[in-house]
């Protein structure tokens, strides 16, 4: 998935930045008495995660989400995030938070 390059100051340095967004990953970290990773079937293996991340890297994806099947949901999220960001930039509190005078 592509997003605008957020680090233009390194673009001329031939540096590529990729973000990999994951859910829980099946690793030895989860091996403690209170957790049974086998009981969480949606956990991706570390090997599958790395392989998918490398495919995303080869495609020059700025953001790679290995488990996301419906990529349109990421596009919807990004659209909503950008709209919300515009709404968060105000010089005074929203009317519902202003004291009655």
PDB file of N, CA and C in Angstrom:
ATOM      1  N   UNK A   1       0.841  -1.161   0.000  1.00  0.00           N
ATOM      2  CA  UNK A   1       0.000   0.000   0.000  1.00  0.00           C
ATOM      3  C   UNK A   1       0.890   1.227   0.000  1.00  0.00           C
ATOM      4  N   UNK A   2       0.418   2.212  -0.635  1.00  0.00           N
ATOM      5  CA  UNK A   2       1.262   3.389  -0.799  1.00  0.00           C
ATOM      6  C   UNK A   2       0.705   4.570  -0.020  1.00  0.00           C
ATOM      7  N   UNK A   3       1.597   5.345   0.503  1.00  0.00           N
ATOM      8  CA  UNK A   3       1.267   6.591   1.191  1.00  0.00           C
ATOM      9  C   UNK A   3       2.342   7.587   0.809  1.00  0.00           C
ATOM     10  N   UNK A   4       2.052   8.869   0.895  1.00  0.00           N
ATOM     11  CA  UNK A   4       3.070   9.856   0.543  1.00  0.00           C
ATOM     12  C   UNK A   4       4.324   9.673   1.395  1.00  0.00           C
ATOM     13  N   UNK A   5       5.463   9.883   0.797  1.00  0.00           N
ATOM     14  CA  UNK A   5       6.727   9.786   1.532  1.00  0.00           C
ATOM     15  C   UNK A   5       6.736  10.829   2.638  1.00  0.00           C
ATOM     16  N   UNK A   6       6.920  10.406   3.849  1.00  0.00           N
ATOM     17  CA  UNK A   6       6.862  11.319   4.983  1.00  0.00           C
ATOM     18  C   UNK A   6       8.234  11.794   5.430  1.00  0.00           C
ATOM     19  N   UNK A   7       9.261  11.358   4.754  1.00  0.00           N
ATOM     20  CA  UNK A   7      10.605  11.771   5.121  1.00  0.00           C
ATOM     21  C   UNK A   7      11.323  12.328   3.902  1.00  0.00           C
ATOM     22  N   UNK A   8      10.865  13.462   3.375  1.00  0.00           N
ATOM     23  CA  UNK A   8      11.476  13.999   2.156  1.00  0.00           C
ATOM     24  C   UNK A   8      12.940  14.372   2.342  1.00  0.00           C
ATOM     25  N   UNK A   9      13.354  14.642   3.565  1.00  0.00           N
ATOM     26  CA  UNK A   9      14.743  15.024   3.808  1.00  0.00           C
ATOM     27  C   UNK A   9      15.725  13.876   3.589  1.00  0.00           C
ATOM     28  N   UNK A  10      15.235  12.625   3.514  1.00  0.00           N
ATOM     29  CA  UNK A  10      16.149  11.518   3.241  1.00  0.00           C
ATOM     30  C   UNK A  10      15.988  10.955   1.834  1.00  0.00           C
ATOM     31  N   UNK A  11      15.039  11.482   1.084  1.00  0.00           N
ATOM     32  CA  UNK A  11      14.774  10.951  -0.256  1.00  0.00           C
ATOM     33  C   UNK A  11      16.006  11.020  -1.146  1.00  0.00           C
ATOM     34  N   UNK A  12      16.764  12.078  -1.051  1.00  0.00           N
ATOM     35  CA  UNK A  12      17.945  12.239  -1.899  1.00  0.00           C
ATOM     36  C   UNK A  12      19.129  11.399  -1.419  1.00  0.00           C
ATOM     37  N   UNK A  13      18.996  10.732  -0.287  1.00  0.00           N
ATOM     38  CA  UNK A  13      20.086   9.931   0.264  1.00  0.00           C
ATOM     39  C   UNK A  13      19.968   8.457  -0.107  1.00  0.00           C
ATOM     40  N   UNK A  14      19.066   8.136  -1.012  1.00  0.00           N
ATOM     41  CA  UNK A  14      18.866   6.760  -1.457  1.00  0.00           C
ATOM     42  C   UNK A  14      18.514   5.838  -0.278  1.00  0.00           C
ATOM     43  N   UNK A  15      17.675   6.354   0.615  1.00  0.00           N
ATOM     44  CA  UNK A  15      17.207   5.593   1.768  1.00  0.00           C
ATOM     45  C   UNK A  15      15.724   5.327   1.562  1.00  0.00           C
ATOM     46  N   UNK A  16      15.314   4.099   1.825  1.00  0.00           N
ATOM     47  CA  UNK A  16      13.913   3.737   1.686  1.00  0.00           C
ATOM     48  C   UNK A  16      13.375   3.350   3.058  1.00  0.00           C
ATOM     49  N   UNK A  17      12.222   3.874   3.419  1.00  0.00           N
ATOM     50  CA  UNK A  17      11.602   3.576   4.706  1.00  0.00           C
ATOM     51  C   UNK A  17      10.303   2.825   4.455  1.00  0.00           C
ATOM     52  N   UNK A  18      10.166   1.703   5.116  1.00  0.00           N
ATOM     53  CA  UNK A  18       8.951   0.904   5.030  1.00  0.00           C
ATOM     54  C   UNK A  18       8.428   0.697   6.446  1.00  0.00           C
ATOM     55  N   UNK A  19       7.129   0.884   6.624  1.00  0.00           N
ATOM     56  CA  UNK A  19       6.498   0.573   7.899  1.00  0.00           C
ATOM     57  C   UNK A  19       5.730  -0.726   7.740  1.00  0.00           C
ATOM     58  N   UNK A  20       5.928  -1.635   8.667  1.00  0.00           N
ATOM     59  CA  UNK A  20       5.217  -2.908   8.658  1.00  0.00           C
ATOM     60  C   UNK A  20       4.299  -2.916   9.875  1.00  0.00           C
ATOM     61  N   UNK A  21       3.007  -2.981   9.614  1.00  0.00           N
ATOM     62  CA  UNK A  21       2.007  -2.975  10.680  1.00  0.00           C
ATOM     63  C   UNK A  21       1.504  -4.398  10.873  1.00  0.00           C
ATOM     64  N   UNK A  22       1.617  -4.890  12.084  1.00  0.00           N
ATOM     65  CA  UNK A  22       1.259  -6.281  12.337  1.00  0.00           C
ATOM     66  C   UNK A  22       0.277  -6.398  13.487  1.00  0.00           C
ATOM     67  N   UNK A  23      -0.358  -7.517  13.517  1.00  0.00           N
ATOM     68  CA  UNK A  23      -1.091  -7.921  14.705  1.00  0.00           C
ATOM     69  C   UNK A  23      -0.122  -8.730  15.556  1.00  0.00           C
ATOM     70  N   UNK A  24      -0.670  -9.560  16.418  1.00  0.00           N
ATOM     71  CA  UNK A  24       0.184 -10.423  17.236  1.00  0.00           C
ATOM     72  C   UNK A  24       0.903 -11.413  16.324  1.00  0.00           C
ATOM     73  N   UNK A  25       2.165 -11.656  16.618  1.00  0.00           N
ATOM     74  CA  UNK A  25       2.990 -12.565  15.820  1.00  0.00           C
ATOM     75  C   UNK A  25       3.380 -13.748  16.701  1.00  0.00           C
ATOM     76  N   UNK A  26       3.228 -14.942  16.156  1.00  0.00           N
ATOM     77  CA  UNK A  26       3.546 -16.152  16.915  1.00  0.00           C
ATOM     78  C   UNK A  26       5.069 -16.276  17.057  1.00  0.00           C
ATOM     79  N   UNK A  27       5.552 -16.006  18.254  1.00  0.00           N
ATOM     80  CA  UNK A  27       6.985 -16.120  18.563  1.00  0.00           C
ATOM     81  C   UNK A  27       7.126 -16.763  19.939  1.00  0.00           C
ATOM     82  N   UNK A  28       8.359 -17.031  20.333  1.00  0.00           N
ATOM     83  CA  UNK A  28       8.609 -17.601  21.660  1.00  0.00           C
ATOM     84  C   UNK A  28       8.246 -16.633  22.777  1.00  0.00           C
ATOM     85  N   UNK A  29       8.086 -15.373  22.443  1.00  0.00           N
ATOM     86  CA  UNK A  29       7.690 -14.374  23.435  1.00  0.00           C
ATOM     87  C   UNK A  29       6.412 -14.792  24.155  1.00  0.00           C
ATOM     88  N   UNK A  30       5.534 -15.450  23.446  1.00  0.00           N
ATOM     89  CA  UNK A  30       4.228 -15.815  23.996  1.00  0.00           C
ATOM     90  C   UNK A  30       4.282 -17.049  24.882  1.00  0.00           C
ATOM     91  N   UNK A  31       5.427 -17.645  25.046  1.00  0.00           N
ATOM     92  CA  UNK A  31       5.538 -18.876  25.836  1.00  0.00           C
ATOM     93  C   UNK A  31       5.654 -18.565  27.330  1.00  0.00           C
ATOM     94  N   UNK A  32       4.537 -18.305  27.937  1.00  0.00           N
ATOM     95  CA  UNK A  32       4.499 -18.161  29.385  1.00  0.00           C
ATOM     96  C   UNK A  32       3.183 -18.774  29.854  1.00  0.00           C
ATOM     97  N   UNK A  33       3.106 -19.160  31.115  1.00  0.00           N
ATOM     98  CA  UNK A  33       1.965 -19.967  31.581  1.00  0.00           C
ATOM     99  C   UNK A  33       0.578 -19.412  31.268  1.00  0.00           C
ATOM    100  N   UNK A  34       0.412 -18.118  31.307  1.00  0.00           N
ATOM    101  CA  UNK A  34      -0.927 -17.552  31.116  1.00  0.00           C
ATOM    102  C   UNK A  34      -1.344 -17.466  29.653  1.00  0.00           C
ATOM    103  N   UNK A  35      -0.453 -17.769  28.736  1.00  0.00           N
ATOM    104  CA  UNK A  35      -0.766 -17.619  27.306  1.00  0.00           C
ATOM    105  C   UNK A  35      -0.530 -18.921  26.561  1.00  0.00           C
ATOM    106  N   UNK A  36      -1.496 -19.259  25.749  1.00  0.00           N
ATOM    107  CA  UNK A  36      -1.375 -20.429  24.889  1.00  0.00           C
ATOM    108  C   UNK A  36      -1.545 -19.931  23.459  1.00  0.00           C
ATOM    109  N   UNK A  37      -0.433 -19.637  22.751  1.00  0.00           N
ATOM    110  CA  UNK A  37      -0.560 -19.052  21.413  1.00  0.00           C
ATOM    111  C   UNK A  37      -1.350 -19.918  20.439  1.00  0.00           C
ATOM    112  N   UNK A  38      -1.338 -21.224  20.647  1.00  0.00           N
ATOM    113  CA  UNK A  38      -2.100 -22.104  19.760  1.00  0.00           C
ATOM    114  C   UNK A  38      -3.601 -21.837  19.861  1.00  0.00           C
ATOM    115  N   UNK A  39      -4.028 -21.223  20.949  1.00  0.00           N
ATOM    116  CA  UNK A  39      -5.446 -20.902  21.136  1.00  0.00           C
ATOM    117  C   UNK A  39      -5.849 -19.649  20.365  1.00  0.00           C
ATOM    118  N   UNK A  40      -4.874 -18.988  19.757  1.00  0.00           N
ATOM    119  CA  UNK A  40      -5.146 -17.774  18.980  1.00  0.00           C
ATOM    120  C   UNK A  40      -4.772 -18.072  17.526  1.00  0.00           C
ATOM    121  N   UNK A  41      -5.683 -18.646  16.759  1.00  0.00           N
ATOM    122  CA  UNK A  41      -5.338 -19.073  15.401  1.00  0.00           C
ATOM    123  C   UNK A  41      -4.990 -17.925  14.457  1.00  0.00           C
ATOM    124  N   UNK A  42      -5.389 -16.716  14.791  1.00  0.00           N
ATOM    125  CA  UNK A  42      -5.132 -15.594  13.885  1.00  0.00           C
ATOM    126  C   UNK A  42      -3.704 -15.058  13.991  1.00  0.00           C
ATOM    127  N   UNK A  43      -2.866 -15.646  14.827  1.00  0.00           N
ATOM    128  CA  UNK A  43      -1.485 -15.185  14.944  1.00  0.00           C
ATOM    129  C   UNK A  43      -0.671 -15.679  13.752  1.00  0.00           C
ATOM    130  N   UNK A  44      -0.001 -14.755  13.088  1.00  0.00           N
ATOM    131  CA  UNK A  44       0.851 -15.085  11.956  1.00  0.00           C
ATOM    132  C   UNK A  44       2.209 -15.553  12.477  1.00  0.00           C
ATOM    133  N   UNK A  45       2.833 -16.457  11.757  1.00  0.00           N
ATOM    134  CA  UNK A  45       4.177 -16.865  12.161  1.00  0.00           C
ATOM    135  C   UNK A  45       5.166 -15.764  11.804  1.00  0.00           C
ATOM    136  N   UNK A  46       6.262 -15.719  12.522  1.00  0.00           N
ATOM    137  CA  UNK A  46       7.297 -14.720  12.241  1.00  0.00           C
ATOM    138  C   UNK A  46       7.851 -14.910  10.834  1.00  0.00           C
ATOM    139  N   UNK A  47       8.006 -16.155  10.406  1.00  0.00           N
ATOM    140  CA  UNK A  47       8.536 -16.420   9.063  1.00  0.00           C
ATOM    141  C   UNK A  47       7.604 -15.869   7.988  1.00  0.00           C
ATOM    142  N   UNK A  48       6.297 -16.093   8.139  1.00  0.00           N
ATOM    143  CA  UNK A  48       5.340 -15.564   7.161  1.00  0.00           C
ATOM    144  C   UNK A  48       5.332 -14.040   7.173  1.00  0.00           C
ATOM    145  N   UNK A  49       5.434 -13.462   8.361  1.00  0.00           N
ATOM    146  CA  UNK A  49       5.465 -12.007   8.473  1.00  0.00           C
ATOM    147  C   UNK A  49       6.673 -11.428   7.742  1.00  0.00           C
ATOM    148  N   UNK A  50       7.836 -12.007   7.973  1.00  0.00           N
ATOM    149  CA  UNK A  50       9.055 -11.510   7.321  1.00  0.00           C
ATOM    150  C   UNK A  50       8.959 -11.676   5.814  1.00  0.00           C
ATOM    151  N   UNK A  51       8.485 -12.833   5.354  1.00  0.00           N
ATOM    152  CA  UNK A  51       8.346 -13.046   3.907  1.00  0.00           C
ATOM    153  C   UNK A  51       7.412 -12.010   3.291  1.00  0.00           C
ATOM    154  N   UNK A  52       6.272 -11.776   3.929  1.00  0.00           N
ATOM    155  CA  UNK A  52       5.315 -10.794   3.410  1.00  0.00           C
ATOM    156  C   UNK A  52       5.902  -9.389   3.441  1.00  0.00           C
ATOM    157  N   UNK A  53       6.607  -9.056   4.509  1.00  0.00           N
ATOM    158  CA  UNK A  53       7.227  -7.730   4.608  1.00  0.00           C
ATOM    159  C   UNK A  53       8.253  -7.527   3.496  1.00  0.00           C
ATOM    160  N   UNK A  54       8.985  -8.562   3.165  1.00  0.00           N
ATOM    161  CA  UNK A  54       9.978  -8.445   2.095  1.00  0.00           C
ATOM    162  C   UNK A  54       9.313  -8.278   0.730  1.00  0.00           C
ATOM    163  N   UNK A  55       8.168  -8.934   0.517  1.00  0.00           N
ATOM    164  CA  UNK A  55       7.420  -8.717  -0.727  1.00  0.00           C
ATOM    165  C   UNK A  55       6.983  -7.258  -0.796  1.00  0.00           C
ATOM    166  N   UNK A  56       6.462  -6.734   0.306  1.00  0.00           N
ATOM    167  CA  UNK A  56       6.076  -5.324   0.353  1.00  0.00           C
ATOM    168  C   UNK A  56       7.262  -4.409   0.116  1.00  0.00           C
ATOM    169  N   UNK A  57       8.407  -4.764   0.671  1.00  0.00           N
ATOM    170  CA  UNK A  57       9.623  -3.971   0.475  1.00  0.00           C
ATOM    171  C   UNK A  57      10.023  -3.965  -0.999  1.00  0.00           C
ATOM    172  N   UNK A  58      10.008  -5.148  -1.624  1.00  0.00           N
ATOM    173  CA  UNK A  58      10.354  -5.236  -3.050  1.00  0.00           C
ATOM    174  C   UNK A  58       9.401  -4.419  -3.908  1.00  0.00           C
ATOM    175  N   UNK A  59       8.161  -4.297  -3.484  1.00  0.00           N
ATOM    176  CA  UNK A  59       7.169  -3.494  -4.212  1.00  0.00           C
ATOM    177  C   UNK A  59       7.268  -2.011  -3.857  1.00  0.00           C
ATOM    178  N   UNK A  60       8.155  -1.687  -2.952  1.00  0.00           N
ATOM    179  CA  UNK A  60       8.369  -0.312  -2.480  1.00  0.00           C
ATOM    180  C   UNK A  60       7.115   0.266  -1.832  1.00  0.00           C
ATOM    181  N   UNK A  61       6.417  -0.594  -1.073  1.00  0.00           N
ATOM    182  CA  UNK A  61       5.267  -0.112  -0.324  1.00  0.00           C
ATOM    183  C   UNK A  61       5.761   0.727   0.846  1.00  0.00           C
ATOM    184  N   UNK A  62       5.164   1.875   1.030  1.00  0.00           N
ATOM    185  CA  UNK A  62       5.504   2.699   2.190  1.00  0.00           C
ATOM    186  C   UNK A  62       4.936   2.076   3.459  1.00  0.00           C
ATOM    187  N   UNK A  63       3.796   1.424   3.328  1.00  0.00           N
ATOM    188  CA  UNK A  63       3.149   0.762   4.457  1.00  0.00           C
ATOM    189  C   UNK A  63       2.771  -0.644   4.020  1.00  0.00           C
ATOM    190  N   UNK A  64       3.212  -1.625   4.780  1.00  0.00           N
ATOM    191  CA  UNK A  64       2.895  -3.015   4.499  1.00  0.00           C
ATOM    192  C   UNK A  64       2.118  -3.572   5.684  1.00  0.00           C
ATOM    193  N   UNK A  65       0.954  -4.130   5.396  1.00  0.00           N
ATOM    194  CA  UNK A  65       0.137  -4.757   6.441  1.00  0.00           C
ATOM    195  C   UNK A  65      -0.100  -6.195   5.984  1.00  0.00           C
ATOM    196  N   UNK A  66       0.782  -7.109   6.363  1.00  0.00           N
ATOM    197  CA  UNK A  66       0.733  -8.469   5.832  1.00  0.00           C
ATOM    198  C   UNK A  66      -0.588  -9.196   6.005  1.00  0.00           C
ATOM    199  N   UNK A  67      -1.316  -8.951   7.073  1.00  0.00           N
ATOM    200  CA  UNK A  67      -2.546  -9.702   7.313  1.00  0.00           C
ATOM    201  C   UNK A  67      -3.786  -9.064   6.699  1.00  0.00           C
ATOM    202  N   UNK A  68      -3.670  -7.855   6.181  1.00  0.00           N
ATOM    203  CA  UNK A  68      -4.841  -7.141   5.671  1.00  0.00           C
ATOM    204  C   UNK A  68      -5.226  -7.643   4.282  1.00  0.00           C
ATOM    205  N   UNK A  69      -6.391  -8.253   4.194  1.00  0.00           N
ATOM    206  CA  UNK A  69      -6.881  -8.773   2.914  1.00  0.00           C
ATOM    207  C   UNK A  69      -7.629  -7.684   2.149  1.00  0.00           C
ATOM    208  N   UNK A  70      -8.485  -6.958   2.843  1.00  0.00           N
ATOM    209  CA  UNK A  70      -9.326  -5.934   2.206  1.00  0.00           C
ATOM    210  C   UNK A  70      -8.606  -4.591   2.251  1.00  0.00           C
ATOM    211  N   UNK A  71      -7.774  -4.330   1.257  1.00  0.00           N
ATOM    212  CA  UNK A  71      -6.953  -3.114   1.261  1.00  0.00           C
ATOM    213  C   UNK A  71      -7.786  -1.844   1.167  1.00  0.00           C
ATOM    214  N   UNK A  72      -9.002  -1.947   0.680  1.00  0.00           N
ATOM    215  CA  UNK A  72      -9.881  -0.787   0.626  1.00  0.00           C
ATOM    216  C   UNK A  72     -10.176  -0.228   2.010  1.00  0.00           C
ATOM    217  N   UNK A  73     -10.118  -1.079   3.014  1.00  0.00           N
ATOM    218  CA  UNK A  73     -10.347  -0.610   4.385  1.00  0.00           C
ATOM    219  C   UNK A  73      -9.217   0.306   4.838  1.00  0.00           C
ATOM    220  N   UNK A  74      -7.996   0.014   4.406  1.00  0.00           N
ATOM    221  CA  UNK A  74      -6.880   0.903   4.748  1.00  0.00           C
ATOM    222  C   UNK A  74      -7.070   2.250   4.061  1.00  0.00           C
ATOM    223  N   UNK A  75      -7.505   2.234   2.812  1.00  0.00           N
ATOM    224  CA  UNK A  75      -7.744   3.487   2.090  1.00  0.00           C
ATOM    225  C   UNK A  75      -8.833   4.297   2.795  1.00  0.00           C
ATOM    226  N   UNK A  76      -9.892   3.630   3.254  1.00  0.00           N
ATOM    227  CA  UNK A  76     -10.965   4.319   3.983  1.00  0.00           C
ATOM    228  C   UNK A  76     -10.445   4.903   5.287  1.00  0.00           C
ATOM    229  N   UNK A  77      -9.616   4.144   5.980  1.00  0.00           N
ATOM    230  CA  UNK A  77      -9.032   4.623   7.235  1.00  0.00           C
ATOM    231  C   UNK A  77      -8.176   5.862   6.986  1.00  0.00           C
ATOM    232  N   UNK A  78      -7.331   5.815   5.978  1.00  0.00           N
ATOM    233  CA  UNK A  78      -6.457   6.953   5.667  1.00  0.00           C
ATOM    234  C   UNK A  78      -7.280   8.195   5.319  1.00  0.00           C
ATOM    235  N   UNK A  79      -8.346   7.999   4.553  1.00  0.00           N
ATOM    236  CA  UNK A  79      -9.216   9.117   4.188  1.00  0.00           C
ATOM    237  C   UNK A  79      -9.843   9.723   5.448  1.00  0.00           C
ATOM    238  N   UNK A  80     -10.373   8.868   6.320  1.00  0.00           N
ATOM    239  CA  UNK A  80     -10.994   9.351   7.557  1.00  0.00           C
ATOM    240  C   UNK A  80      -9.959  10.021   8.463  1.00  0.00           C
ATOM    241  N   UNK A  81      -8.759   9.458   8.534  1.00  0.00           N
ATOM    242  CA  UNK A  81      -7.704  10.031   9.374  1.00  0.00           C
ATOM    243  C   UNK A  81      -7.341  11.431   8.907  1.00  0.00           C
ATOM    244  N   UNK A  82      -7.214  11.601   7.605  1.00  0.00           N
ATOM    245  CA  UNK A  82      -6.863  12.918   7.066  1.00  0.00           C
ATOM    246  C   UNK A  82      -7.985  13.931   7.301  1.00  0.00           C
ATOM    247  N   UNK A  83      -9.231  13.489   7.155  1.00  0.00           N
ATOM    248  CA  UNK A  83     -10.366  14.385   7.409  1.00  0.00           C
ATOM    249  C   UNK A  83     -10.399  14.786   8.880  1.00  0.00           C
ATOM    250  N   UNK A  84     -10.155  13.841   9.761  1.00  0.00           N
ATOM    251  CA  UNK A  84     -10.150  14.139  11.186  1.00  0.00           C
ATOM    252  C   UNK A  84      -9.005  15.085  11.538  1.00  0.00           C
ATOM    253  N   UNK A  85      -7.864  14.902  10.932  1.00  0.00           N
ATOM    254  CA  UNK A  85      -6.730  15.782  11.201  1.00  0.00           C
ATOM    255  C   UNK A  85      -7.088  17.230  10.891  1.00  0.00           C
ATOM    256  N   UNK A  86      -7.773  17.456   9.779  1.00  0.00           N
ATOM    257  CA  UNK A  86      -8.222  18.811   9.441  1.00  0.00           C
ATOM    258  C   UNK A  86      -9.155  19.361  10.522  1.00  0.00           C
ATOM    259  N   UNK A  87     -10.024  18.508  11.054  1.00  0.00           N
ATOM    260  CA  UNK A  87     -10.971  18.943  12.081  1.00  0.00           C
ATOM    261  C   UNK A  87     -10.304  19.187  13.431  1.00  0.00           C
ATOM    262  N   UNK A  88      -9.154  18.611  13.658  1.00  0.00           N
ATOM    263  CA  UNK A  88      -8.465  18.774  14.942  1.00  0.00           C
ATOM    264  C   UNK A  88      -7.651  20.056  15.022  1.00  0.00           C
ATOM    265  N   UNK A  89      -7.445  20.706  13.905  1.00  0.00           N
ATOM    266  CA  UNK A  89      -6.626  21.913  13.866  1.00  0.00           C
ATOM    267  C   UNK A  89      -7.522  23.144  13.949  1.00  0.00           C
ATOM    268  N   UNK A  90      -7.859  23.544  15.172  1.00  0.00           N
ATOM    269  CA  UNK A  90      -8.702  24.714  15.404  1.00  0.00           C
ATOM    270  C   UNK A  90      -8.055  25.588  16.465  1.00  0.00           C
ATOM    271  N   UNK A  91      -8.285  26.878  16.373  1.00  0.00           N
ATOM    272  CA  UNK A  91      -7.664  27.812  17.315  1.00  0.00           C
ATOM    273  C   UNK A  91      -8.434  27.950  18.624  1.00  0.00           C
ATOM    274  N   UNK A  92      -9.623  27.370  18.685  1.00  0.00           N
ATOM    275  CA  UNK A  92     -10.404  27.446  19.922  1.00  0.00           C
ATOM    276  C   UNK A  92     -11.177  26.150  20.107  1.00  0.00           C
ATOM    277  N   UNK A  93     -11.649  25.892  21.318  1.00  0.00           N
ATOM    278  CA  UNK A  93     -12.388  24.656  21.570  1.00  0.00           C
ATOM    279  C   UNK A  93     -13.663  24.580  20.729  1.00  0.00           C
ATOM    280  N   UNK A  94     -14.087  23.372  20.465  1.00  0.00           N
ATOM    281  CA  UNK A  94     -15.355  23.166  19.767  1.00  0.00           C
ATOM    282  C   UNK A  94     -16.475  23.788  20.601  1.00  0.00           C
ATOM    283  N   UNK A  95     -17.543  24.266  19.956  1.00  0.00           N
ATOM    284  CA  UNK A  95     -18.630  24.931  20.682  1.00  0.00           C
ATOM    285  C   UNK A  95     -19.161  24.127  21.870  1.00  0.00           C
ATOM    286  N   UNK A  96     -19.215  22.826  21.778  1.00  0.00           N
ATOM    287  CA  UNK A  96     -19.756  22.036  22.885  1.00  0.00           C
ATOM    288  C   UNK A  96     -18.874  22.095  24.127  1.00  0.00           C
ATOM    289  N   UNK A  97     -17.637  22.560  23.993  1.00  0.00           N
ATOM    290  CA  UNK A  97     -16.728  22.667  25.135  1.00  0.00           C
ATOM    291  C   UNK A  97     -16.536  24.102  25.615  1.00  0.00           C
ATOM    292  N   UNK A  98     -17.225  25.020  25.014  1.00  0.00           N
ATOM    293  CA  UNK A  98     -17.096  26.415  25.435  1.00  0.00           C
ATOM    294  C   UNK A  98     -18.105  26.701  26.542  1.00  0.00           C
ATOM    295  N   UNK A  99     -17.659  27.408  27.548  1.00  0.00           N
ATOM    296  CA  UNK A  99     -18.543  27.766  28.671  1.00  0.00           C
ATOM    297  C   UNK A  99     -19.567  28.795  28.200  1.00  0.00           C
ATOM    298  N   UNK A 100     -20.753  28.656  28.733  1.00  0.00           N
ATOM    299  CA  UNK A 100     -21.802  29.633  28.437  1.00  0.00           C
ATOM    300  C   UNK A 100     -21.444  30.944  29.124  1.00  0.00           C
ATOM    301  N   UNK A 101     -21.558  32.031  28.410  1.00  0.00           N
ATOM    302  CA  UNK A 101     -21.206  33.342  28.994  1.00  0.00           C
ATOM    303  C   UNK A 101     -22.418  34.161  29.241  1.00  0.00           C
TER     304      UNK A 101
END
